[in-house]
Each structure stands twice: as C-alpha cells, then as structure tokens.
Amino acid sequence: MTDPSLEEFLALARHAGLEFTEEEAPRMHEGWRRMQSMLLSRLPADPDLTDEPALVFVAAGAGIAR
C-alpha cells in the first residue's frame, strides 16, 4: 500500500469527520504515516483468533460463575 499524499490524507480525514488546521495537517499526516509504517505493519496479516483476547459483556447485576 502506498502512502497517500497530504491532500488524499485530508480527504480521508474529512470523510471521517475530522478537520485539521493548516498547522496540524502536516503533523497529523506524518504521524499517520509513521503509525502505518511502525505499528500497523507489525500486525500479522492473518492472526490466529484463538490467541486474541475476547471482549465479554457482563450485564449489570449478573454474577460470574467460576
């Protein structure tokens, strides 16, 4: 995946409901690019879901059996 230009990034941000000032835009774009390259690239493409933590909903007043 190629990095989008600043203009493409801002279009994606606007579509998500985010607006940046002229000062913020380049910093947010650079931060997003670094996040993509350093953090998201480390995620496995096809993780084993049995190793992933599960979200569990416990209704108010419910007990937990052990």
N, C-alpha and C. Protein backbone atom coordinates (compact mmCIF):
# COMPACT_ATOMS: atom_id res chain seq x y z
N MET A 1 0.84 -1.18 0.00
CA MET A 1 0.00 0.00 0.00
C MET A 1 0.89 1.24 0.00
N THR A 2 0.63 2.13 -0.90
CA THR A 2 1.42 3.35 -0.96
C THR A 2 0.81 4.40 -0.03
N ASP A 3 1.67 5.26 0.48
CA ASP A 3 1.19 6.32 1.36
C ASP A 3 0.42 7.36 0.56
N PRO A 4 -0.75 7.76 1.06
CA PRO A 4 -1.47 8.82 0.36
C PRO A 4 -0.77 10.16 0.54
N SER A 5 -0.97 11.04 -0.42
CA SER A 5 -0.42 12.39 -0.31
C SER A 5 -1.15 13.13 0.81
N LEU A 6 -0.65 14.29 1.14
CA LEU A 6 -1.29 15.10 2.18
C LEU A 6 -2.74 15.40 1.80
N GLU A 7 -2.97 15.72 0.54
CA GLU A 7 -4.33 16.04 0.09
C GLU A 7 -5.25 14.83 0.21
N GLU A 8 -4.74 13.65 -0.15
CA GLU A 8 -5.55 12.43 -0.03
C GLU A 8 -5.83 12.11 1.44
N PHE A 9 -4.82 12.31 2.28
CA PHE A 9 -5.00 12.09 3.72
C PHE A 9 -6.08 13.02 4.27
N LEU A 10 -6.02 14.30 3.88
CA LEU A 10 -7.02 15.26 4.37
C LEU A 10 -8.41 14.91 3.87
N ALA A 11 -8.51 14.38 2.65
CA ALA A 11 -9.82 13.95 2.14
C ALA A 11 -10.35 12.79 2.97
N LEU A 12 -9.48 11.84 3.32
CA LEU A 12 -9.89 10.72 4.19
C LEU A 12 -10.32 11.23 5.56
N ALA A 13 -9.57 12.18 6.09
CA ALA A 13 -9.89 12.74 7.41
C ALA A 13 -11.24 13.45 7.37
N ARG A 14 -11.47 14.25 6.35
CA ARG A 14 -12.76 14.95 6.22
C ARG A 14 -13.91 13.96 6.12
N HIS A 15 -13.69 12.89 5.37
CA HIS A 15 -14.72 11.86 5.23
C HIS A 15 -15.04 11.22 6.59
N ALA A 16 -14.04 11.15 7.46
CA ALA A 16 -14.23 10.60 8.81
C ALA A 16 -14.74 11.65 9.79
N GLY A 17 -14.93 12.88 9.32
CA GLY A 17 -15.44 13.93 10.18
C GLY A 17 -14.37 14.70 10.93
N LEU A 18 -13.11 14.59 10.50
CA LEU A 18 -12.01 15.29 11.15
C LEU A 18 -11.56 16.48 10.31
N GLU A 19 -11.33 17.59 10.95
CA GLU A 19 -10.81 18.77 10.27
C GLU A 19 -9.54 19.21 10.99
N PHE A 20 -8.52 19.53 10.24
CA PHE A 20 -7.25 19.98 10.81
C PHE A 20 -6.94 21.38 10.31
N THR A 21 -6.26 22.16 11.17
CA THR A 21 -5.81 23.48 10.75
C THR A 21 -4.61 23.30 9.82
N GLU A 22 -4.18 24.38 9.20
CA GLU A 22 -3.02 24.30 8.31
C GLU A 22 -1.76 23.88 9.06
N GLU A 23 -1.68 24.23 10.34
CA GLU A 23 -0.52 23.82 11.15
C GLU A 23 -0.61 22.35 11.52
N GLU A 24 -1.81 21.88 11.82
CA GLU A 24 -1.98 20.50 12.28
C GLU A 24 -1.86 19.48 11.15
N ALA A 25 -2.31 19.84 9.96
CA ALA A 25 -2.42 18.88 8.85
C ALA A 25 -1.10 18.16 8.55
N PRO A 26 0.01 18.86 8.34
CA PRO A 26 1.25 18.12 8.03
C PRO A 26 1.71 17.23 9.19
N ARG A 27 1.53 17.70 10.42
CA ARG A 27 1.94 16.88 11.58
C ARG A 27 1.07 15.62 11.70
N MET A 28 -0.23 15.77 11.50
CA MET A 28 -1.12 14.62 11.58
C MET A 28 -0.84 13.62 10.46
N HIS A 29 -0.55 14.14 9.26
CA HIS A 29 -0.21 13.27 8.13
C HIS A 29 1.06 12.49 8.43
N GLU A 30 2.08 13.17 8.93
CA GLU A 30 3.35 12.50 9.26
C GLU A 30 3.14 11.47 10.36
N GLY A 31 2.38 11.81 11.38
CA GLY A 31 2.10 10.87 12.46
C GLY A 31 1.35 9.65 11.95
N TRP A 32 0.40 9.87 11.07
CA TRP A 32 -0.36 8.76 10.49
C TRP A 32 0.55 7.85 9.67
N ARG A 33 1.44 8.46 8.88
CA ARG A 33 2.37 7.67 8.08
C ARG A 33 3.29 6.84 8.97
N ARG A 34 3.78 7.43 10.06
CA ARG A 34 4.65 6.69 10.97
C ARG A 34 3.90 5.57 11.67
N MET A 35 2.66 5.84 12.05
CA MET A 35 1.86 4.79 12.68
C MET A 35 1.69 3.62 11.70
N GLN A 36 1.39 3.94 10.45
CA GLN A 36 1.23 2.89 9.44
C GLN A 36 2.51 2.07 9.30
N SER A 37 3.65 2.75 9.21
CA SER A 37 4.89 2.04 8.93
C SER A 37 5.44 1.30 10.15
N MET A 38 5.28 1.85 11.34
CA MET A 38 5.90 1.24 12.51
C MET A 38 4.97 0.31 13.28
N LEU A 39 3.73 0.68 13.44
CA LEU A 39 2.83 -0.11 14.27
C LEU A 39 1.99 -1.10 13.48
N LEU A 40 1.26 -0.60 12.51
CA LEU A 40 0.34 -1.46 11.79
C LEU A 40 1.05 -2.49 10.93
N SER A 41 2.25 -2.18 10.49
CA SER A 41 2.99 -3.15 9.67
C SER A 41 3.41 -4.37 10.50
N ARG A 42 3.42 -4.24 11.81
CA ARG A 42 3.81 -5.36 12.68
C ARG A 42 2.66 -6.33 12.95
N LEU A 43 1.44 -5.91 12.64
CA LEU A 43 0.31 -6.80 12.88
C LEU A 43 0.34 -7.94 11.87
N PRO A 44 0.06 -9.15 12.33
CA PRO A 44 0.05 -10.27 11.39
C PRO A 44 -1.12 -10.13 10.41
N ALA A 45 -0.90 -10.57 9.19
CA ALA A 45 -1.94 -10.45 8.16
C ALA A 45 -3.12 -11.36 8.45
N ASP A 46 -2.86 -12.52 9.00
CA ASP A 46 -3.92 -13.49 9.29
C ASP A 46 -3.71 -14.05 10.69
N PRO A 47 -4.07 -13.28 11.73
CA PRO A 47 -3.79 -13.73 13.10
C PRO A 47 -4.66 -14.92 13.49
N ASP A 48 -4.14 -15.72 14.41
CA ASP A 48 -4.91 -16.84 14.97
C ASP A 48 -5.86 -16.25 15.99
N LEU A 49 -7.14 -16.24 15.68
CA LEU A 49 -8.12 -15.60 16.55
C LEU A 49 -8.27 -16.28 17.91
N THR A 50 -7.83 -17.54 18.03
CA THR A 50 -7.92 -18.19 19.33
C THR A 50 -6.90 -17.62 20.31
N ASP A 51 -5.88 -16.92 19.81
CA ASP A 51 -4.88 -16.30 20.67
C ASP A 51 -5.25 -14.88 21.06
N GLU A 52 -6.28 -14.32 20.43
CA GLU A 52 -6.66 -12.93 20.68
C GLU A 52 -7.54 -12.82 21.92
N PRO A 53 -7.42 -11.71 22.67
CA PRO A 53 -8.31 -11.52 23.81
C PRO A 53 -9.74 -11.32 23.32
N ALA A 54 -10.68 -11.77 24.13
CA ALA A 54 -12.10 -11.65 23.77
C ALA A 54 -12.77 -10.59 24.63
N LEU A 55 -13.67 -9.83 24.03
CA LEU A 55 -14.48 -8.89 24.78
C LEU A 55 -15.67 -9.64 25.35
N VAL A 56 -15.93 -9.45 26.61
CA VAL A 56 -17.02 -10.15 27.26
C VAL A 56 -17.94 -9.14 27.90
N PHE A 57 -19.23 -9.24 27.61
CA PHE A 57 -20.23 -8.35 28.20
C PHE A 57 -20.85 -9.07 29.39
N VAL A 58 -20.84 -8.42 30.54
CA VAL A 58 -21.49 -8.93 31.73
C VAL A 58 -22.56 -7.92 32.10
N ALA A 59 -23.81 -8.37 32.04
CA ALA A 59 -24.92 -7.48 32.34
C ALA A 59 -24.88 -7.05 33.80
N ALA A 60 -25.35 -5.83 34.07
CA ALA A 60 -25.40 -5.32 35.44
C ALA A 60 -26.23 -6.26 36.31
N GLY A 61 -25.71 -6.59 37.45
CA GLY A 61 -26.40 -7.47 38.38
C GLY A 61 -26.16 -8.94 38.14
N ALA A 62 -25.48 -9.29 37.06
CA ALA A 62 -25.20 -10.68 36.77
C ALA A 62 -24.01 -11.15 37.58
N GLY A 63 -24.03 -12.37 37.97
CA GLY A 63 -22.90 -12.96 38.69
C GLY A 63 -21.99 -13.67 37.73
N ILE A 64 -20.79 -13.95 38.17
CA ILE A 64 -19.83 -14.68 37.37
C ILE A 64 -19.56 -16.00 38.04
N ALA A 65 -19.83 -17.10 37.34
CA ALA A 65 -19.58 -18.45 37.88
C ALA A 65 -18.15 -18.83 37.59
N ARG A 66 -17.50 -19.37 38.58
CA ARG A 66 -16.11 -19.82 38.39
C ARG A 66 -16.00 -21.29 38.60
